[in-house]
Amino acid sequence: MNYVGMRIGQSMPAIGIAQKLLNRSGARLVVDGAFGGKTKRAVRIFQLAHGLHPDGVIGKQTWPLLVSGLRLPIGDIVDMWNYHEPQEVLTDTFNSDKLPFTAMQPRSVGVEGIVGDMVREYRGAGLFLLRLHGHGAPGRMMISGGWYSESPLTESAFNDPGVSAALRRFSEIMSPIGSISINGCSVARGRAGNRMIQTLATMTGFPVVAPVKAQWGGYSTTYFMEGPVRTAFPNPRMTLRDWCDELPELPPLNASPHGLGAPTGYERVLQSMPAF
């Protein structure tokens, strides 16, 4: 199953969703999208309540339990021309309930063709998270062709009418609480990076998260952002806290047909082990 990796010190829209998920299990977190000490403690309590090692990190084992009974699909788009792409992206996503879309098109199809294929692949999926895996550089994300891509995602590429029209169709594939994660090195670095992710967020209508530093990836780190990230929102004046404040309430855990057992499990651990 593909999953979302989150740890202390990070801030992004997906963490706001995770805080909502923890709260439906009994936590009392302020939903602000920032993974601080209180969120880590809540994750540890949740992990203990479900027999997991309490490392306070949301990863491969914790995420499926958090989302139990809910439909929060993740779409992973892998640039197969990038021979450095870690094996785990392929292993985990091909074993998920939704195969990843792999960008293997000839370079001649351009950004418009590749983005159009993304929309066709995931139309109606209601993605909670759309991730792009491949090489990156400040203000540039390679989505087909690796380092030699002739069709990277850049601010200038968004000026093409066909590309902008395709990007505005992302509402056909995303959930209203969805966000886009660009997992390429240093995409959000500098002015070029800021402009690129802001333009993408404005055109798609969804938050865009991208890293400032290099992303080494590989196995246990593939689904984690490494180092600081920047998030752009469709409304440039919006903050992460503003976005989290608009999130809808999630169904209570005991209303799920695939629940995790007694909904007081979190509280029982909290009462028996109040300090970490």
Protein backbone atom coordinates (compact mmCIF):
# COMPACT_ATOMS: atom_id res chain seq x y z
CA MET A 1 0.00 0.00 0.00
CA ASN A 2 1.33 3.45 -0.79
CA TYR A 3 1.30 5.70 2.25
CA VAL A 4 2.21 9.17 3.47
CA GLY A 5 5.38 9.59 5.50
CA MET A 6 5.33 12.30 8.18
CA ARG A 7 7.59 13.14 11.09
CA ILE A 8 8.22 15.86 13.67
CA GLY A 9 9.32 19.23 12.34
CA GLN A 10 7.34 19.06 9.10
CA SER A 11 4.43 21.25 8.04
CA MET A 12 2.12 20.48 5.09
CA PRO A 13 -1.56 19.92 4.25
CA ALA A 14 -1.32 16.13 4.61
CA ILE A 15 -0.33 16.60 8.25
CA GLY A 16 -3.55 18.52 8.84
CA ILE A 17 -5.44 15.48 7.54
CA ALA A 18 -3.36 13.21 9.80
CA GLN A 19 -4.23 15.39 12.80
CA LYS A 20 -7.90 15.04 11.91
CA LEU A 21 -7.44 11.27 11.73
CA LEU A 22 -5.74 11.20 15.13
CA ASN A 23 -8.52 13.30 16.63
CA ARG A 24 -11.19 10.84 15.49
CA SER A 25 -9.28 8.19 17.46
CA GLY A 26 -9.35 10.23 20.65
CA ALA A 27 -6.60 12.85 20.38
CA ARG A 28 -7.34 16.50 21.03
CA LEU A 29 -4.94 18.17 18.64
CA VAL A 30 -5.17 21.63 17.17
CA VAL A 31 -5.40 20.96 13.45
CA ASP A 32 -2.79 23.31 11.99
CA GLY A 33 -0.76 21.10 9.62
CA ALA A 34 2.37 21.38 11.78
CA PHE A 35 3.90 18.16 13.15
CA GLY A 36 5.09 19.29 16.57
CA GLY A 37 5.66 17.62 19.91
CA LYS A 38 1.96 17.21 20.69
CA THR A 39 1.30 15.55 17.35
CA LYS A 40 4.26 13.21 17.85
CA ARG A 41 2.93 12.27 21.28
CA ALA A 42 -0.52 11.60 19.81
CA VAL A 43 1.04 9.38 17.14
CA ARG A 44 2.94 7.41 19.80
CA ILE A 45 -0.21 6.86 21.83
CA PHE A 46 -2.05 5.74 18.69
CA GLN A 47 0.77 3.34 17.84
CA LEU A 48 0.76 1.83 21.34
CA ALA A 49 -3.02 1.41 21.16
CA HIS A 50 -2.56 -0.68 18.02
CA GLY A 51 0.47 -2.73 18.99
CA LEU A 52 3.02 -0.79 16.93
CA HIS A 53 6.46 0.42 17.89
CA PRO A 54 5.86 3.93 19.31
CA ASP A 55 8.41 5.89 17.29
CA GLY A 56 6.06 8.84 16.74
CA VAL A 57 6.53 8.67 12.96
CA ILE A 58 3.64 8.14 10.56
CA GLY A 59 4.78 5.63 7.98
CA LYS A 60 4.15 2.32 6.31
CA GLN A 61 2.52 0.62 9.31
CA THR A 62 0.79 3.55 11.00
CA TRP A 63 -0.83 5.21 7.98
CA PRO A 64 -3.10 2.26 6.97
CA LEU A 65 -4.46 2.08 10.53
CA LEU A 66 -5.09 5.83 10.67
CA VAL A 67 -7.16 5.77 7.47
CA SER A 68 -9.02 2.55 8.24
CA GLY A 69 -12.59 2.75 7.01
CA LEU A 70 -11.99 5.91 4.97
CA ARG A 71 -11.22 6.35 1.31
CA LEU A 72 -8.14 8.55 0.96
CA PRO A 73 -6.48 7.32 -2.25
CA ILE A 74 -2.97 8.36 -3.23
CA GLY A 75 -1.77 8.64 -6.82
CA ASP A 76 1.95 8.24 -7.50
CA ILE A 77 3.34 9.38 -10.84
CA VAL A 78 6.80 7.96 -11.47
CA ASP A 79 9.16 9.17 -14.17
CA MET A 80 10.35 5.80 -15.44
CA TRP A 81 13.06 7.49 -17.51
CA ASN A 82 14.73 8.33 -14.21
CA TYR A 83 16.85 5.26 -13.57
CA HIS A 84 17.67 6.51 -10.08
CA GLU A 85 14.02 6.22 -9.01
CA PRO A 86 14.01 4.09 -5.84
CA GLN A 87 12.58 0.61 -6.09
CA GLU A 88 10.23 1.20 -3.17
CA VAL A 89 8.09 3.63 -5.15
CA LEU A 90 7.34 0.88 -7.62
CA THR A 91 7.08 -1.94 -5.08
CA ASP A 92 4.69 -0.16 -2.72
CA THR A 93 2.54 1.49 -5.33
CA PHE A 94 2.18 -1.57 -7.53
CA ASN A 95 1.00 -3.46 -4.43
CA SER A 96 -1.60 -0.80 -3.66
CA ASP A 97 -5.25 -0.77 -4.64
CA LYS A 98 -4.51 1.82 -7.32
CA LEU A 99 -1.58 1.31 -9.65
CA PRO A 100 0.69 4.31 -10.15
CA PHE A 101 0.67 6.11 -13.43
CA THR A 102 4.18 5.85 -14.88
CA ALA A 103 5.21 8.69 -17.17
CA MET A 104 6.89 6.76 -19.98
CA GLN A 105 5.53 8.73 -22.93
CA PRO A 106 7.89 9.89 -25.67
CA ARG A 107 9.19 13.37 -24.97
CA SER A 108 7.41 14.68 -28.05
CA VAL A 109 4.01 14.54 -26.35
CA GLY A 110 5.05 17.49 -24.20
CA VAL A 111 3.71 18.70 -20.86
CA GLU A 112 0.18 19.02 -22.23
CA GLY A 113 0.10 15.37 -23.30
CA ILE A 114 1.59 14.06 -20.05
CA VAL A 115 -0.70 16.14 -17.82
CA GLY A 116 -3.66 15.10 -19.96
CA ASP A 117 -2.70 11.46 -19.40
CA MET A 118 -2.60 12.07 -15.64
CA VAL A 119 -6.17 13.35 -15.77
CA ARG A 120 -7.35 10.40 -17.85
CA GLU A 121 -5.62 7.92 -15.54
CA TYR A 122 -7.16 9.25 -12.33
CA ARG A 123 -10.45 10.80 -13.47
CA GLY A 124 -13.03 10.37 -10.72
CA ALA A 125 -10.49 8.91 -8.26
CA GLY A 126 -10.91 11.66 -5.67
CA LEU A 127 -7.21 11.68 -4.80
CA PHE A 128 -6.29 12.84 -1.33
CA LEU A 129 -2.70 13.17 -2.53
CA LEU A 130 -1.09 13.30 -5.97
CA ARG A 131 2.69 12.77 -5.86
CA LEU A 132 5.20 13.33 -8.63
CA HIS A 133 8.46 11.35 -8.39
CA GLY A 134 11.50 12.25 -10.47
CA HIS A 135 14.41 14.64 -10.87
CA GLY A 136 13.94 18.25 -9.85
CA ALA A 137 15.73 21.58 -9.78
CA PRO A 138 14.71 25.05 -8.54
CA GLY A 139 11.50 25.88 -10.38
CA ARG A 140 11.60 22.69 -12.50
CA MET A 141 10.15 19.19 -12.14
CA MET A 142 11.00 16.49 -14.68
CA ILE A 143 7.97 14.28 -15.34
CA SER A 144 9.18 12.31 -18.36
CA GLY A 145 12.68 11.76 -19.69
CA GLY A 146 14.72 12.12 -16.48
CA TRP A 147 17.44 14.77 -16.62
CA TYR A 148 17.08 14.89 -20.41
CA SER A 149 13.41 15.80 -20.30
CA GLU A 150 12.35 18.25 -22.98
CA SER A 151 9.02 18.72 -21.21
CA PRO A 152 9.60 19.67 -17.54
CA LEU A 153 6.98 21.32 -15.40
CA THR A 154 8.06 24.96 -15.16
CA GLU A 155 6.39 28.31 -14.76
CA SER A 156 6.97 29.07 -18.44
CA ALA A 157 5.39 25.77 -19.48
CA PHE A 158 2.21 26.79 -17.67
CA ASN A 159 1.83 29.68 -20.11
CA ASP A 160 0.94 27.25 -22.87
CA PRO A 161 -2.88 27.33 -23.33
CA GLY A 162 -3.07 23.55 -23.69
CA VAL A 163 -1.05 22.96 -20.52
CA SER A 164 -3.06 25.47 -18.47
CA ALA A 165 -6.32 23.92 -19.69
CA ALA A 166 -5.11 20.44 -18.69
CA LEU A 167 -4.02 21.64 -15.24
CA ARG A 168 -7.42 23.20 -14.59
CA ARG A 169 -8.96 19.76 -15.07
CA PHE A 170 -7.28 18.49 -11.91
CA SER A 171 -10.61 18.99 -10.14
CA GLU A 172 -11.69 15.86 -12.03
CA ILE A 173 -9.12 13.72 -10.23
CA MET A 174 -8.64 15.36 -6.83
CA SER A 175 -10.65 15.28 -3.62
CA PRO A 176 -11.76 18.67 -2.25
CA ILE A 177 -9.25 18.08 0.57
CA GLY A 178 -6.52 16.96 -1.82
CA SER A 179 -3.04 18.34 -2.33
CA ILE A 180 -0.17 17.87 -4.77
CA SER A 181 3.28 16.80 -3.61
CA ILE A 182 6.31 17.33 -5.87
CA ASN A 183 9.02 14.90 -4.73
CA GLY A 184 11.93 16.27 -6.75
CA CYS A 185 15.14 17.85 -5.53
CA SER A 186 15.02 21.52 -4.57
CA VAL A 187 11.94 22.32 -6.68
CA ALA A 188 10.75 25.04 -4.28
CA ARG A 189 14.13 26.68 -3.80
CA GLY A 190 14.48 30.39 -4.47
CA ARG A 191 12.25 32.77 -6.38
CA ALA A 192 11.91 30.44 -9.35
CA GLY A 193 10.71 27.65 -7.05
CA ASN A 194 8.23 29.90 -5.27
CA ARG A 195 6.79 31.16 -8.54
CA MET A 196 6.54 27.69 -10.03
CA ILE A 197 4.62 26.08 -7.15
CA GLN A 198 2.39 29.14 -6.70
CA THR A 199 1.46 29.11 -10.39
CA LEU A 200 0.75 25.39 -10.24
CA ALA A 201 -1.44 25.81 -7.14
CA THR A 202 -3.36 28.68 -8.74
CA MET A 203 -3.96 26.78 -11.98
CA THR A 204 -4.96 23.45 -10.44
CA GLY A 205 -6.91 24.91 -7.52
CA PHE A 206 -5.09 22.71 -4.97
CA PRO A 207 -2.22 23.20 -2.51
CA VAL A 208 1.20 22.29 -3.87
CA VAL A 209 4.02 21.10 -1.59
CA ALA A 210 7.64 20.91 -2.74
CA PRO A 211 11.04 20.56 -1.06
CA VAL A 212 13.70 23.22 -0.77
CA LYS A 213 16.64 20.81 -0.53
CA ALA A 214 17.82 17.61 -2.22
CA GLN A 215 15.66 14.50 -1.88
CA TRP A 216 17.82 11.40 -1.69
CA GLY A 217 14.92 8.99 -1.36
CA GLY A 218 15.31 5.26 -1.30
CA TYR A 219 13.36 2.62 0.57
CA SER A 220 12.23 3.90 4.00
CA THR A 221 12.67 7.56 2.97
CA THR A 222 10.96 7.49 -0.43
CA TYR A 223 7.56 8.66 0.83
CA PHE A 224 9.02 11.25 3.22
CA MET A 225 9.88 14.82 2.32
CA GLU A 226 13.47 15.46 3.40
CA GLY A 227 14.27 18.82 4.95
CA PRO A 228 12.18 22.01 4.73
CA VAL A 229 9.27 22.30 2.32
CA ARG A 230 7.17 25.12 0.97
CA THR A 231 3.43 25.01 0.39
CA ALA A 232 1.58 27.21 -2.06
CA PHE A 233 -2.20 27.62 -1.99
CA PRO A 234 -4.58 28.62 -4.79
CA ASN A 235 -5.18 31.84 -2.88
CA PRO A 236 -1.70 33.30 -2.24
CA ARG A 237 -2.98 34.98 0.93
CA MET A 238 -4.06 31.67 2.47
CA THR A 239 -1.94 30.09 5.19
CA LEU A 240 -1.64 26.43 6.13
CA ARG A 241 -3.70 27.11 9.26
CA ASP A 242 -6.40 28.78 7.16
CA TRP A 243 -6.57 25.72 4.91
CA CYS A 244 -6.76 23.37 7.90
CA ASP A 245 -9.56 25.45 9.44
CA GLU A 246 -11.65 24.75 6.34
CA LEU A 247 -11.24 20.96 6.50
CA PRO A 248 -14.51 19.05 7.03
CA GLU A 249 -15.04 16.77 9.99
CA LEU A 250 -14.20 13.12 9.38
CA PRO A 251 -16.64 10.31 10.18
CA PRO A 252 -16.16 9.02 13.75
CA LEU A 253 -14.14 5.85 14.08
CA ASN A 254 -17.00 3.79 15.49
CA ALA A 255 -19.10 4.63 12.42
CA SER A 256 -16.63 2.86 10.15
CA PRO A 257 -17.57 -0.61 8.90
CA HIS A 258 -13.87 -1.46 9.05
CA GLY A 259 -13.13 0.11 12.42
CA LEU A 260 -10.11 -0.63 14.54
CA GLY A 261 -12.02 -2.00 17.51
CA ALA A 262 -13.16 -0.10 20.59
CA PRO A 263 -12.94 3.64 19.92
CA THR A 264 -11.64 4.19 23.46
CA GLY A 265 -8.34 2.37 22.82
CA TYR A 266 -6.50 5.67 22.47
CA GLU A 267 -7.95 6.97 25.74
CA ARG A 268 -7.01 3.77 27.60
CA VAL A 269 -3.37 4.11 26.56
CA LEU A 270 -3.42 7.81 27.40
CA GLN A 271 -4.70 7.08 30.89
CA SER A 272 -2.24 4.28 31.57
CA MET A 273 0.83 5.98 30.08
CA PRO A 274 0.30 9.73 30.43
CA ALA A 275 3.97 10.70 30.03
CA PHE A 276 6.51 10.12 27.25
